């Protein structure tokens, strides 16, 4: 049965000890992983990375064009608040799109071909 302990730390220690003994006696079995990553060559991995990075940048620039069109549309009907908001969104989408393109270019053509730094 259980005993009442006056010291909570003692209770924690006994429970922890019993759990540790049980864990050691009953190790968890590791099953196959649910995440499957196919093996691919470095060239295929680089190509997929380039497609994803440049695709994301192009998509952001396309969204910037849509928001710029919306800003102009709102400005034509004298809704300056909406025009300013869409103009600000356009600016940040252009910034994000160009950043994605620049980061992808830098990673694919400058970082990957370079030699890996030595780790001590």
PDB file of N, CA and C in Angstrom:
ATOM      1  N   UNK A   1       0.837  -1.181   0.000  1.00  0.00           N
ATOM      2  CA  UNK A   1       0.000   0.000   0.000  1.00  0.00           C
ATOM      3  C   UNK A   1       0.883   1.246   0.000  1.00  0.00           C
ATOM      4  N   UNK A   2       0.258   2.396   0.075  1.00  0.00           N
ATOM      5  CA  UNK A   2       1.043   3.630   0.055  1.00  0.00           C
ATOM      6  C   UNK A   2       1.265   4.122   1.471  1.00  0.00           C
ATOM      7  N   UNK A   3       2.329   4.808   1.621  1.00  0.00           N
ATOM      8  CA  UNK A   3       2.630   5.409   2.913  1.00  0.00           C
ATOM      9  C   UNK A   3       2.613   6.913   2.740  1.00  0.00           C
ATOM     10  N   UNK A   4       2.298   7.631   3.776  1.00  0.00           N
ATOM     11  CA  UNK A   4       2.300   9.085   3.700  1.00  0.00           C
ATOM     12  C   UNK A   4       3.682   9.583   4.042  1.00  0.00           C
ATOM     13  N   UNK A   5       4.243  10.350   3.156  1.00  0.00           N
ATOM     14  CA  UNK A   5       5.560  10.929   3.384  1.00  0.00           C
ATOM     15  C   UNK A   5       5.412  12.375   3.812  1.00  0.00           C
ATOM     16  N   UNK A   6       6.193  12.754   4.777  1.00  0.00           N
ATOM     17  CA  UNK A   6       6.210  14.142   5.216  1.00  0.00           C
ATOM     18  C   UNK A   6       7.079  14.982   4.273  1.00  0.00           C
ATOM     19  N   UNK A   7       7.995  14.317   3.563  1.00  0.00           N
ATOM     20  CA  UNK A   7       8.930  15.020   2.706  1.00  0.00           C
ATOM     21  C   UNK A   7       8.574  14.718   1.245  1.00  0.00           C
ATOM     22  N   UNK A   8       8.145  15.745   0.497  1.00  0.00           N
ATOM     23  CA  UNK A   8       7.725  15.541  -0.896  1.00  0.00           C
ATOM     24  C   UNK A   8       8.895  15.123  -1.772  1.00  0.00           C
ATOM     25  N   UNK A   9      10.107  15.601  -1.477  1.00  0.00           N
ATOM     26  CA  UNK A   9      11.270  15.226  -2.276  1.00  0.00           C
ATOM     27  C   UNK A   9      11.530  13.726  -2.180  1.00  0.00           C
ATOM     28  N   UNK A  10      11.310  13.165  -1.006  1.00  0.00           N
ATOM     29  CA  UNK A  10      11.513  11.733  -0.823  1.00  0.00           C
ATOM     30  C   UNK A  10      10.524  10.944  -1.682  1.00  0.00           C
ATOM     31  N   UNK A  11       9.274  11.398  -1.734  1.00  0.00           N
ATOM     32  CA  UNK A  11       8.268  10.734  -2.547  1.00  0.00           C
ATOM     33  C   UNK A  11       8.648  10.810  -4.019  1.00  0.00           C
ATOM     34  N   UNK A  12       9.088  11.974  -4.448  1.00  0.00           N
ATOM     35  CA  UNK A  12       9.498  12.134  -5.839  1.00  0.00           C
ATOM     36  C   UNK A  12      10.653  11.194  -6.154  1.00  0.00           C
ATOM     37  N   UNK A  13      11.599  11.106  -5.251  1.00  0.00           N
ATOM     38  CA  UNK A  13      12.745  10.233  -5.474  1.00  0.00           C
ATOM     39  C   UNK A  13      12.355   8.772  -5.572  1.00  0.00           C
ATOM     40  N   UNK A  14      11.446   8.311  -4.731  1.00  0.00           N
ATOM     41  CA  UNK A  14      11.044   6.907  -4.788  1.00  0.00           C
ATOM     42  C   UNK A  14      10.257   6.606  -6.049  1.00  0.00           C
ATOM     43  N   UNK A  15       9.384   7.514  -6.449  1.00  0.00           N
ATOM     44  CA  UNK A  15       8.620   7.314  -7.678  1.00  0.00           C
ATOM     45  C   UNK A  15       9.561   7.335  -8.878  1.00  0.00           C
ATOM     46  N   UNK A  16      10.493   8.271  -8.882  1.00  0.00           N
ATOM     47  CA  UNK A  16      11.453   8.361  -9.975  1.00  0.00           C
ATOM     48  C   UNK A  16      12.289   7.085 -10.066  1.00  0.00           C
ATOM     49  N   UNK A  17      12.716   6.587  -8.911  1.00  0.00           N
ATOM     50  CA  UNK A  17      13.515   5.360  -8.886  1.00  0.00           C
ATOM     51  C   UNK A  17      12.736   4.164  -9.402  1.00  0.00           C
ATOM     52  N   UNK A  18      11.484   4.027  -8.987  1.00  0.00           N
ATOM     53  CA  UNK A  18      10.662   2.917  -9.469  1.00  0.00           C
ATOM     54  C   UNK A  18      10.418   3.017 -10.958  1.00  0.00           C
ATOM     55  N   UNK A  19      10.190   4.238 -11.459  1.00  0.00           N
ATOM     56  CA  UNK A  19       9.980   4.420 -12.898  1.00  0.00           C
ATOM     57  C   UNK A  19      11.254   4.085 -13.671  1.00  0.00           C
ATOM     58  N   UNK A  20      12.381   4.489 -13.161  1.00  0.00           N
ATOM     59  CA  UNK A  20      13.640   4.192 -13.839  1.00  0.00           C
ATOM     60  C   UNK A  20      13.899   2.690 -13.895  1.00  0.00           C
ATOM     61  N   UNK A  21      13.628   1.983 -12.803  1.00  0.00           N
ATOM     62  CA  UNK A  21      13.791   0.521 -12.802  1.00  0.00           C
ATOM     63  C   UNK A  21      12.850  -0.129 -13.815  1.00  0.00           C
ATOM     64  N   UNK A  22      11.608   0.344 -13.843  1.00  0.00           N
ATOM     65  CA  UNK A  22      10.641  -0.206 -14.784  1.00  0.00           C
ATOM     66  C   UNK A  22      11.079   0.067 -16.219  1.00  0.00           C
ATOM     67  N   UNK A  23      11.561   1.304 -16.504  1.00  0.00           N
ATOM     68  CA  UNK A  23      12.000   1.659 -17.859  1.00  0.00           C
ATOM     69  C   UNK A  23      13.167   0.795 -18.308  1.00  0.00           C
ATOM     70  N   UNK A  24      14.092   0.516 -17.406  1.00  0.00           N
ATOM     71  CA  UNK A  24      15.236  -0.316 -17.759  1.00  0.00           C
ATOM     72  C   UNK A  24      14.810  -1.764 -18.015  1.00  0.00           C
ATOM     73  N   UNK A  25      13.817  -2.231 -17.273  1.00  0.00           N
ATOM     74  CA  UNK A  25      13.347  -3.603 -17.441  1.00  0.00           C
ATOM     75  C   UNK A  25      12.457  -3.757 -18.680  1.00  0.00           C
ATOM     76  N   UNK A  26      11.834  -2.677 -19.105  1.00  0.00           N
ATOM     77  CA  UNK A  26      10.923  -2.703 -20.256  1.00  0.00           C
ATOM     78  C   UNK A  26      11.343  -1.658 -21.291  1.00  0.00           C
ATOM     79  N   UNK A  27      12.424  -1.916 -22.031  1.00  0.00           N
ATOM     80  CA  UNK A  27      12.869  -0.905 -23.001  1.00  0.00           C
ATOM     81  C   UNK A  27      11.858  -0.742 -24.129  1.00  0.00           C
ATOM     82  N   UNK A  28      11.780   0.474 -24.638  1.00  0.00           N
ATOM     83  CA  UNK A  28      10.877   0.760 -25.750  1.00  0.00           C
ATOM     84  C   UNK A  28      11.415   0.146 -27.019  1.00  0.00           C
ATOM     85  N   UNK A  29      10.543  -0.507 -27.725  1.00  0.00           N
ATOM     86  CA  UNK A  29      10.942  -1.043 -29.012  1.00  0.00           C
ATOM     87  C   UNK A  29      10.777   0.043 -30.067  1.00  0.00           C
ATOM     88  N   UNK A  30      11.764   0.146 -30.914  1.00  0.00           N
ATOM     89  CA  UNK A  30      11.713   1.134 -31.989  1.00  0.00           C
ATOM     90  C   UNK A  30      11.189   0.465 -33.247  1.00  0.00           C
ATOM     91  N   UNK A  31      10.083   0.955 -33.739  1.00  0.00           N
ATOM     92  CA  UNK A  31       9.523   0.438 -34.984  1.00  0.00           C
ATOM     93  C   UNK A  31      10.070   1.214 -36.162  1.00  0.00           C
ATOM     94  N   UNK A  32       9.657   0.837 -37.344  1.00  0.00           N
ATOM     95  CA  UNK A  32      10.105   1.580 -38.519  1.00  0.00           C
ATOM     96  C   UNK A  32       9.527   2.995 -38.501  1.00  0.00           C
ATOM     97  N   UNK A  33      10.282   3.935 -39.011  1.00  0.00           N
ATOM     98  CA  UNK A  33       9.857   5.326 -39.034  1.00  0.00           C
ATOM     99  C   UNK A  33       8.718   5.525 -40.029  1.00  0.00           C
ATOM    100  N   UNK A  34       7.806   6.403 -39.658  1.00  0.00           N
ATOM    101  CA  UNK A  34       6.704   6.728 -40.558  1.00  0.00           C
ATOM    102  C   UNK A  34       7.151   7.713 -41.635  1.00  0.00           C
ATOM    103  N   UNK A  35       8.280   8.361 -41.408  1.00  0.00           N
ATOM    104  CA  UNK A  35       8.790   9.331 -42.368  1.00  0.00           C
ATOM    105  C   UNK A  35       9.774   8.626 -43.287  1.00  0.00           C
ATOM    106  N   UNK A  36       9.457   8.602 -44.547  1.00  0.00           N
ATOM    107  CA  UNK A  36      10.319   7.958 -45.537  1.00  0.00           C
ATOM    108  C   UNK A  36      10.900   9.026 -46.446  1.00  0.00           C
ATOM    109  N   UNK A  37      12.204   9.120 -46.513  1.00  0.00           N
ATOM    110  CA  UNK A  37      12.884  10.053 -47.400  1.00  0.00           C
ATOM    111  C   UNK A  37      13.642   9.233 -48.426  1.00  0.00           C
ATOM    112  N   UNK A  38      13.282   9.371 -49.679  1.00  0.00           N
ATOM    113  CA  UNK A  38      13.971   8.568 -50.690  1.00  0.00           C
ATOM    114  C   UNK A  38      15.420   9.035 -50.858  1.00  0.00           C
ATOM    115  N   UNK A  39      16.271   8.101 -51.216  1.00  0.00           N
ATOM    116  CA  UNK A  39      17.662   8.433 -51.499  1.00  0.00           C
ATOM    117  C   UNK A  39      17.722   9.115 -52.855  1.00  0.00           C
ATOM    118  N   UNK A  40      18.495  10.194 -52.929  1.00  0.00           N
ATOM    119  CA  UNK A  40      18.643  10.896 -54.199  1.00  0.00           C
ATOM    120  C   UNK A  40      20.054  11.443 -54.314  1.00  0.00           C
ATOM    121  N   UNK A  41      20.473  11.657 -55.536  1.00  0.00           N
ATOM    122  CA  UNK A  41      21.818  12.159 -55.763  1.00  0.00           C
ATOM    123  C   UNK A  41      21.895  13.635 -55.383  1.00  0.00           C
ATOM    124  N   UNK A  42      23.122  14.126 -55.257  1.00  0.00           N
ATOM    125  CA  UNK A  42      23.316  15.533 -54.923  1.00  0.00           C
ATOM    126  C   UNK A  42      22.763  16.448 -56.005  1.00  0.00           C
ATOM    127  N   UNK A  43      22.890  16.032 -57.264  1.00  0.00           N
ATOM    128  CA  UNK A  43      22.395  16.852 -58.371  1.00  0.00           C
ATOM    129  C   UNK A  43      20.870  16.977 -58.323  1.00  0.00           C
ATOM    130  N   UNK A  44      20.190  15.885 -58.023  1.00  0.00           N
ATOM    131  CA  UNK A  44      18.727  15.926 -57.938  1.00  0.00           C
ATOM    132  C   UNK A  44      18.304  16.778 -56.750  1.00  0.00           C
ATOM    133  N   UNK A  45      18.998  16.631 -55.640  1.00  0.00           N
ATOM    134  CA  UNK A  45      18.682  17.420 -54.448  1.00  0.00           C
ATOM    135  C   UNK A  45      18.888  18.907 -54.723  1.00  0.00           C
ATOM    136  N   UNK A  46      19.967  19.255 -55.415  1.00  0.00           N
ATOM    137  CA  UNK A  46      20.246  20.650 -55.758  1.00  0.00           C
ATOM    138  C   UNK A  46      19.171  21.191 -56.696  1.00  0.00           C
ATOM    139  N   UNK A  47      18.768  20.384 -57.682  1.00  0.00           N
ATOM    140  CA  UNK A  47      17.743  20.815 -58.638  1.00  0.00           C
ATOM    141  C   UNK A  47      16.403  21.043 -57.937  1.00  0.00           C
ATOM    142  N   UNK A  48      16.021  20.133 -57.065  1.00  0.00           N
ATOM    143  CA  UNK A  48      14.760  20.301 -56.334  1.00  0.00           C
ATOM    144  C   UNK A  48      14.807  21.517 -55.421  1.00  0.00           C
ATOM    145  N   UNK A  49      15.944  21.731 -54.775  1.00  0.00           N
ATOM    146  CA  UNK A  49      16.098  22.910 -53.927  1.00  0.00           C
ATOM    147  C   UNK A  49      16.010  24.198 -54.716  1.00  0.00           C
ATOM    148  N   UNK A  50      16.655  24.209 -55.897  1.00  0.00           N
ATOM    149  CA  UNK A  50      16.578  25.387 -56.759  1.00  0.00           C
ATOM    150  C   UNK A  50      15.141  25.635 -57.212  1.00  0.00           C
ATOM    151  N   UNK A  51      14.456  24.579 -57.606  1.00  0.00           N
ATOM    152  CA  UNK A  51      13.073  24.725 -58.059  1.00  0.00           C
ATOM    153  C   UNK A  51      12.185  25.268 -56.938  1.00  0.00           C
ATOM    154  N   UNK A  52      12.368  24.752 -55.733  1.00  0.00           N
ATOM    155  CA  UNK A  52      11.556  25.219 -54.607  1.00  0.00           C
ATOM    156  C   UNK A  52      11.867  26.679 -54.270  1.00  0.00           C
ATOM    157  N   UNK A  53      13.151  27.033 -54.204  1.00  0.00           N
ATOM    158  CA  UNK A  53      13.531  28.396 -53.843  1.00  0.00           C
ATOM    159  C   UNK A  53      13.146  29.416 -54.890  1.00  0.00           C
ATOM    160  N   UNK A  54      13.503  29.135 -56.141  1.00  0.00           N
ATOM    161  CA  UNK A  54      13.159  30.079 -57.207  1.00  0.00           C
ATOM    162  C   UNK A  54      11.645  30.108 -57.431  1.00  0.00           C
ATOM    163  N   UNK A  55      10.968  28.972 -57.241  1.00  0.00           N
ATOM    164  CA  UNK A  55       9.511  28.939 -57.373  1.00  0.00           C
ATOM    165  C   UNK A  55       8.827  29.788 -56.308  1.00  0.00           C
ATOM    166  N   UNK A  56       9.327  29.705 -55.082  1.00  0.00           N
ATOM    167  CA  UNK A  56       8.754  30.522 -54.000  1.00  0.00           C
ATOM    168  C   UNK A  56       8.973  32.003 -54.286  1.00  0.00           C
ATOM    169  N   UNK A  57      10.177  32.355 -54.747  1.00  0.00           N
ATOM    170  CA  UNK A  57      10.454  33.754 -55.074  1.00  0.00           C
ATOM    171  C   UNK A  57       9.566  34.253 -56.202  1.00  0.00           C
ATOM    172  N   UNK A  58       9.402  33.430 -57.238  1.00  0.00           N
ATOM    173  CA  UNK A  58       8.547  33.816 -58.361  1.00  0.00           C
ATOM    174  C   UNK A  58       7.092  33.958 -57.926  1.00  0.00           C
ATOM    175  N   UNK A  59       6.643  33.063 -57.061  1.00  0.00           N
ATOM    176  CA  UNK A  59       5.262  33.147 -56.571  1.00  0.00           C
ATOM    177  C   UNK A  59       5.050  34.433 -55.767  1.00  0.00           C
ATOM    178  N   UNK A  60       6.022  34.787 -54.933  1.00  0.00           N
ATOM    179  CA  UNK A  60       5.901  36.026 -54.163  1.00  0.00           C
ATOM    180  C   UNK A  60       5.882  37.249 -55.074  1.00  0.00           C
ATOM    181  N   UNK A  61       6.681  37.241 -56.128  1.00  0.00           N
ATOM    182  CA  UNK A  61       6.666  38.367 -57.072  1.00  0.00           C
ATOM    183  C   UNK A  61       5.353  38.413 -57.852  1.00  0.00           C
ATOM    184  N   UNK A  62       4.783  37.253 -58.160  1.00  0.00           N
ATOM    185  CA  UNK A  62       3.475  37.214 -58.814  1.00  0.00           C
ATOM    186  C   UNK A  62       2.401  37.801 -57.892  1.00  0.00           C
ATOM    187  N   UNK A  63       2.459  37.442 -56.612  1.00  0.00           N
ATOM    188  CA  UNK A  63       1.516  38.015 -55.646  1.00  0.00           C
ATOM    189  C   UNK A  63       1.708  39.519 -55.516  1.00  0.00           C
ATOM    190  N   UNK A  64       2.946  39.975 -55.623  1.00  0.00           N
ATOM    191  CA  UNK A  64       3.211  41.411 -55.583  1.00  0.00           C
ATOM    192  C   UNK A  64       2.544  42.109 -56.762  1.00  0.00           C
ATOM    193  N   UNK A  65       2.596  41.480 -57.934  1.00  0.00           N
ATOM    194  CA  UNK A  65       1.931  42.067 -59.105  1.00  0.00           C
ATOM    195  C   UNK A  65       0.419  42.137 -58.901  1.00  0.00           C
ATOM    196  N   UNK A  66      -0.149  41.111 -58.291  1.00  0.00           N
ATOM    197  CA  UNK A  66      -1.597  41.107 -58.029  1.00  0.00           C
ATOM    198  C   UNK A  66      -1.955  42.207 -57.039  1.00  0.00           C
ATOM    199  N   UNK A  67      -1.166  42.366 -55.978  1.00  0.00           N
ATOM    200  CA  UNK A  67      -1.481  43.404 -54.992  1.00  0.00           C
ATOM    201  C   UNK A  67      -1.241  44.799 -55.570  1.00  0.00           C
ATOM    202  N   UNK A  68      -0.269  44.952 -56.462  1.00  0.00           N
ATOM    203  CA  UNK A  68      -0.062  46.251 -57.105  1.00  0.00           C
ATOM    204  C   UNK A  68      -1.263  46.603 -57.977  1.00  0.00           C
ATOM    205  N   UNK A  69      -1.801  45.620 -58.666  1.00  0.00           N
ATOM    206  CA  UNK A  69      -2.995  45.834 -59.480  1.00  0.00           C
ATOM    207  C   UNK A  69      -4.186  46.218 -58.594  1.00  0.00           C
ATOM    208  N   UNK A  70      -4.296  45.547 -57.449  1.00  0.00           N
ATOM    209  CA  UNK A  70      -5.382  45.871 -56.516  1.00  0.00           C
ATOM    210  C   UNK A  70      -5.206  47.275 -55.947  1.00  0.00           C
ATOM    211  N   UNK A  71      -3.980  47.667 -55.667  1.00  0.00           N
ATOM    212  CA  UNK A  71      -3.727  49.021 -55.158  1.00  0.00           C
ATOM    213  C   UNK A  71      -4.147  50.064 -56.183  1.00  0.00           C
ATOM    214  N   UNK A  72      -3.787  49.817 -57.437  1.00  0.00           N
ATOM    215  CA  UNK A  72      -4.176  50.757 -58.492  1.00  0.00           C
ATOM    216  C   UNK A  72      -5.697  50.799 -58.648  1.00  0.00           C
ATOM    217  N   UNK A  73      -6.333  49.649 -58.522  1.00  0.00           N
ATOM    218  CA  UNK A  73      -7.784  49.578 -58.636  1.00  0.00           C
ATOM    219  C   UNK A  73      -8.461  50.368 -57.516  1.00  0.00           C
ATOM    220  N   UNK A  74      -7.980  50.223 -56.307  1.00  0.00           N
ATOM    221  CA  UNK A  74      -8.548  50.969 -55.186  1.00  0.00           C
ATOM    222  C   UNK A  74      -8.287  52.462 -55.328  1.00  0.00           C
ATOM    223  N   UNK A  75      -7.130  52.821 -55.887  1.00  0.00           N
ATOM    224  CA  UNK A  75      -6.826  54.243 -56.074  1.00  0.00           C
ATOM    225  C   UNK A  75      -7.759  54.862 -57.109  1.00  0.00           C
ATOM    226  N   UNK A  76      -8.128  54.106 -58.150  1.00  0.00           N
ATOM    227  CA  UNK A  76      -9.035  54.618 -59.189  1.00  0.00           C
ATOM    228  C   UNK A  76     -10.426  54.941 -58.652  1.00  0.00           C
ATOM    229  N   UNK A  77     -10.855  54.236 -57.587  1.00  0.00           N
ATOM    230  CA  UNK A  77     -12.189  54.493 -57.032  1.00  0.00           C
ATOM    231  C   UNK A  77     -12.116  55.338 -55.758  1.00  0.00           C
ATOM    232  N   UNK A  78     -11.022  56.058 -55.612  1.00  0.00           N
ATOM    233  CA  UNK A  78     -10.819  56.998 -54.493  1.00  0.00           C
ATOM    234  C   UNK A  78     -10.909  56.352 -53.119  1.00  0.00           C
ATOM    235  N   UNK A  79     -10.334  55.198 -52.968  1.00  0.00           N
ATOM    236  CA  UNK A  79     -10.228  54.541 -51.659  1.00  0.00           C
ATOM    237  C   UNK A  79      -8.760  54.544 -51.262  1.00  0.00           C
ATOM    238  N   UNK A  80      -8.309  55.693 -50.790  1.00  0.00           N
ATOM    239  CA  UNK A  80      -6.879  55.871 -50.539  1.00  0.00           C
ATOM    240  C   UNK A  80      -6.369  54.957 -49.428  1.00  0.00           C
ATOM    241  N   UNK A  81      -7.175  54.657 -48.431  1.00  0.00           N
ATOM    242  CA  UNK A  81      -6.734  53.781 -47.348  1.00  0.00           C
ATOM    243  C   UNK A  81      -6.400  52.383 -47.856  1.00  0.00           C
ATOM    244  N   UNK A  82      -7.281  51.833 -48.672  1.00  0.00           N
ATOM    245  CA  UNK A  82      -7.034  50.505 -49.240  1.00  0.00           C
ATOM    246  C   UNK A  82      -5.866  50.553 -50.213  1.00  0.00           C
ATOM    247  N   UNK A  83      -5.748  51.629 -50.978  1.00  0.00           N
ATOM    248  CA  UNK A  83      -4.641  51.757 -51.927  1.00  0.00           C
ATOM    249  C   UNK A  83      -3.307  51.789 -51.195  1.00  0.00           C
ATOM    250  N   UNK A  84      -3.245  52.515 -50.087  1.00  0.00           N
ATOM    251  CA  UNK A  84      -2.002  52.576 -49.301  1.00  0.00           C
ATOM    252  C   UNK A  84      -1.692  51.204 -48.699  1.00  0.00           C
ATOM    253  N   UNK A  85      -2.693  50.525 -48.173  1.00  0.00           N
ATOM    254  CA  UNK A  85      -2.473  49.209 -47.565  1.00  0.00           C
ATOM    255  C   UNK A  85      -1.973  48.207 -48.608  1.00  0.00           C
ATOM    256  N   UNK A  86      -2.593  48.201 -49.782  1.00  0.00           N
ATOM    257  CA  UNK A  86      -2.145  47.282 -50.833  1.00  0.00           C
ATOM    258  C   UNK A  86      -0.764  47.676 -51.365  1.00  0.00           C
ATOM    259  N   UNK A  87      -0.458  48.961 -51.368  1.00  0.00           N
ATOM    260  CA  UNK A  87       0.879  49.399 -51.783  1.00  0.00           C
ATOM    261  C   UNK A  87       1.944  48.923 -50.794  1.00  0.00           C
ATOM    262  N   UNK A  88       1.639  48.996 -49.513  1.00  0.00           N
ATOM    263  CA  UNK A  88       2.577  48.511 -48.493  1.00  0.00           C
ATOM    264  C   UNK A  88       2.757  46.997 -48.628  1.00  0.00           C
ATOM    265  N   UNK A  89       1.654  46.276 -48.843  1.00  0.00           N
ATOM    266  CA  UNK A  89       1.745  44.825 -49.045  1.00  0.00           C
ATOM    267  C   UNK A  89       2.566  44.506 -50.285  1.00  0.00           C
ATOM    268  N   UNK A  90       2.395  45.306 -51.339  1.00  0.00           N
ATOM    269  CA  UNK A  90       3.181  45.112 -52.559  1.00  0.00           C
ATOM    270  C   UNK A  90       4.662  45.270 -52.277  1.00  0.00           C
ATOM    271  N   UNK A  91       5.018  46.300 -51.533  1.00  0.00           N
ATOM    272  CA  UNK A  91       6.422  46.536 -51.194  1.00  0.00           C
ATOM    273  C   UNK A  91       7.018  45.333 -50.470  1.00  0.00           C
ATOM    274  N   UNK A  92       6.320  44.833 -49.466  1.00  0.00           N
ATOM    275  CA  UNK A  92       6.865  43.721 -48.690  1.00  0.00           C
ATOM    276  C   UNK A  92       6.883  42.417 -49.479  1.00  0.00           C
ATOM    277  N   UNK A  93       5.930  42.217 -50.367  1.00  0.00           N
ATOM    278  CA  UNK A  93       5.957  41.023 -51.217  1.00  0.00           C
ATOM    279  C   UNK A  93       7.119  41.084 -52.211  1.00  0.00           C
ATOM    280  N   UNK A  94       7.386  42.262 -52.752  1.00  0.00           N
ATOM    281  CA  UNK A  94       8.544  42.408 -53.645  1.00  0.00           C
ATOM    282  C   UNK A  94       9.827  42.144 -52.862  1.00  0.00           C
ATOM    283  N   UNK A  95       9.916  42.702 -51.674  1.00  0.00           N
ATOM    284  CA  UNK A  95      11.092  42.493 -50.830  1.00  0.00           C
ATOM    285  C   UNK A  95      11.284  41.006 -50.512  1.00  0.00           C
ATOM    286  N   UNK A  96      10.202  40.315 -50.164  1.00  0.00           N
ATOM    287  CA  UNK A  96      10.290  38.882 -49.845  1.00  0.00           C
ATOM    288  C   UNK A  96      10.638  38.063 -51.085  1.00  0.00           C
ATOM    289  N   UNK A  97      10.049  38.392 -52.217  1.00  0.00           N
ATOM    290  CA  UNK A  97      10.329  37.662 -53.450  1.00  0.00           C
ATOM    291  C   UNK A  97      11.771  37.809 -53.882  1.00  0.00           C
ATOM    292  N   UNK A  98      12.275  39.042 -53.870  1.00  0.00           N
ATOM    293  CA  UNK A  98      13.677  39.256 -54.230  1.00  0.00           C
ATOM    294  C   UNK A  98      14.615  38.609 -53.216  1.00  0.00           C
ATOM    295  N   UNK A  99      14.228  38.638 -51.944  1.00  0.00           N
ATOM    296  CA  UNK A  99      15.029  37.982 -50.915  1.00  0.00           C
ATOM    297  C   UNK A  99      15.091  36.481 -51.111  1.00  0.00           C
ATOM    298  N   UNK A 100      13.963  35.877 -51.485  1.00  0.00           N
ATOM    299  CA  UNK A 100      13.941  34.435 -51.736  1.00  0.00           C
ATOM    300  C   UNK A 100      14.807  34.076 -52.934  1.00  0.00           C
ATOM    301  N   UNK A 101      14.734  34.880 -53.978  1.00  0.00           N
ATOM    302  CA  UNK A 101      15.559  34.620 -55.161  1.00  0.00           C
ATOM    303  C   UNK A 101      17.044  34.779 -54.833  1.00  0.00           C
ATOM    304  N   UNK A 102      17.386  35.845 -54.116  1.00  0.00           N
ATOM    305  CA  UNK A 102      18.790  36.087 -53.765  1.00  0.00           C
ATOM    306  C   UNK A 102      19.327  35.013 -52.825  1.00  0.00           C
ATOM    307  N   UNK A 103      18.526  34.603 -51.851  1.00  0.00           N
ATOM    308  CA  UNK A 103      18.975  33.577 -50.904  1.00  0.00           C
ATOM    309  C   UNK A 103      19.158  32.235 -51.600  1.00  0.00           C
ATOM    310  N   UNK A 104      18.250  31.901 -52.504  1.00  0.00           N
ATOM    311  CA  UNK A 104      18.376  30.645 -53.240  1.00  0.00           C
ATOM    312  C   UNK A 104      19.617  30.666 -54.124  1.00  0.00           C
ATOM    313  N   UNK A 105      19.819  31.762 -54.840  1.00  0.00           N
ATOM    314  CA  UNK A 105      21.002  31.898 -55.686  1.00  0.00           C
ATOM    315  C   UNK A 105      22.277  31.767 -54.846  1.00  0.00           C
ATOM    316  N   UNK A 106      22.312  32.479 -53.729  1.00  0.00           N
ATOM    317  CA  UNK A 106      23.493  32.435 -52.861  1.00  0.00           C
ATOM    318  C   UNK A 106      23.749  31.022 -52.351  1.00  0.00           C
ATOM    319  N   UNK A 107      22.716  30.349 -51.924  1.00  0.00           N
ATOM    320  CA  UNK A 107      22.891  29.013 -51.357  1.00  0.00           C
ATOM    321  C   UNK A 107      23.323  27.997 -52.414  1.00  0.00           C
ATOM    322  N   UNK A 108      22.662  28.032 -53.561  1.00  0.00           N
ATOM    323  CA  UNK A 108      22.923  27.023 -54.591  1.00  0.00           C
ATOM    324  C   UNK A 108      24.266  27.249 -55.285  1.00  0.00           C
ATOM    325  N   UNK A 109      24.589  28.509 -55.579  1.00  0.00           N
ATOM    326  CA  UNK A 109      25.776  28.772 -56.385  1.00  0.00           C
ATOM    327  C   UNK A 109      27.003  29.223 -55.594  1.00  0.00           C
ATOM    328  N   UNK A 110      26.820  29.611 -54.329  1.00  0.00           N
ATOM    329  CA  UNK A 110      27.975  30.062 -53.564  1.00  0.00           C
ATOM    330  C   UNK A 110      28.251  29.208 -52.328  1.00  0.00           C
ATOM    331  N   UNK A 111      27.228  28.822 -51.616  1.00  0.00           N
ATOM    332  CA  UNK A 111      27.416  28.067 -50.379  1.00  0.00           C
ATOM    333  C   UNK A 111      27.699  26.599 -50.658  1.00  0.00           C
ATOM    334  N   UNK A 112      26.837  25.942 -51.440  1.00  0.00           N
ATOM    335  CA  UNK A 112      26.994  24.507 -51.697  1.00  0.00           C
ATOM    336  C   UNK A 112      28.313  24.183 -52.399  1.00  0.00           C
ATOM    337  N   UNK A 113      28.726  24.921 -53.451  1.00  0.00           N
ATOM    338  CA  UNK A 113      29.987  24.567 -54.108  1.00  0.00           C
ATOM    339  C   UNK A 113      31.230  24.821 -53.251  1.00  0.00           C
ATOM    340  N   UNK A 114      31.111  25.665 -52.252  1.00  0.00           N
ATOM    341  CA  UNK A 114      32.278  25.966 -51.412  1.00  0.00           C
ATOM    342  C   UNK A 114      32.671  24.791 -50.546  1.00  0.00           C
ATOM    343  N   UNK A 115      33.885  24.860 -50.024  1.00  0.00           N
ATOM    344  CA  UNK A 115      34.354  23.786 -49.147  1.00  0.00           C
ATOM    345  C   UNK A 115      33.724  23.957 -47.764  1.00  0.00           C
ATOM    346  N   UNK A 116      33.435  22.835 -47.161  1.00  0.00           N
ATOM    347  CA  UNK A 116      32.849  22.869 -45.822  1.00  0.00           C
ATOM    348  C   UNK A 116      33.917  23.309 -44.829  1.00  0.00           C
ATOM    349  N   UNK A 117      33.544  24.130 -43.864  1.00  0.00           N
ATOM    350  CA  UNK A 117      34.523  24.568 -42.867  1.00  0.00           C
ATOM    351  C   UNK A 117      34.911  23.399 -41.960  1.00  0.00           C
ATOM    352  N   UNK A 118      36.120  23.472 -41.446  1.00  0.00           N
ATOM    353  CA  UNK A 118      36.576  22.425 -40.537  1.00  0.00           C
ATOM    354  C   UNK A 118      35.967  22.629 -39.165  1.00  0.00           C
ATOM    355  N   UNK A 119      35.546  21.538 -38.558  1.00  0.00           N
ATOM    356  CA  UNK A 119      34.991  21.585 -37.198  1.00  0.00           C
ATOM    357  C   UNK A 119      35.966  20.907 -36.272  1.00  0.00           C
ATOM    358  N   UNK A 120      36.246  21.552 -35.185  1.00  0.00           N
ATOM    359  CA  UNK A 120      37.203  20.975 -34.217  1.00  0.00           C
ATOM    360  C   UNK A 120      36.465  20.448 -33.020  1.00  0.00           C
TER     361      UNK A 120
END
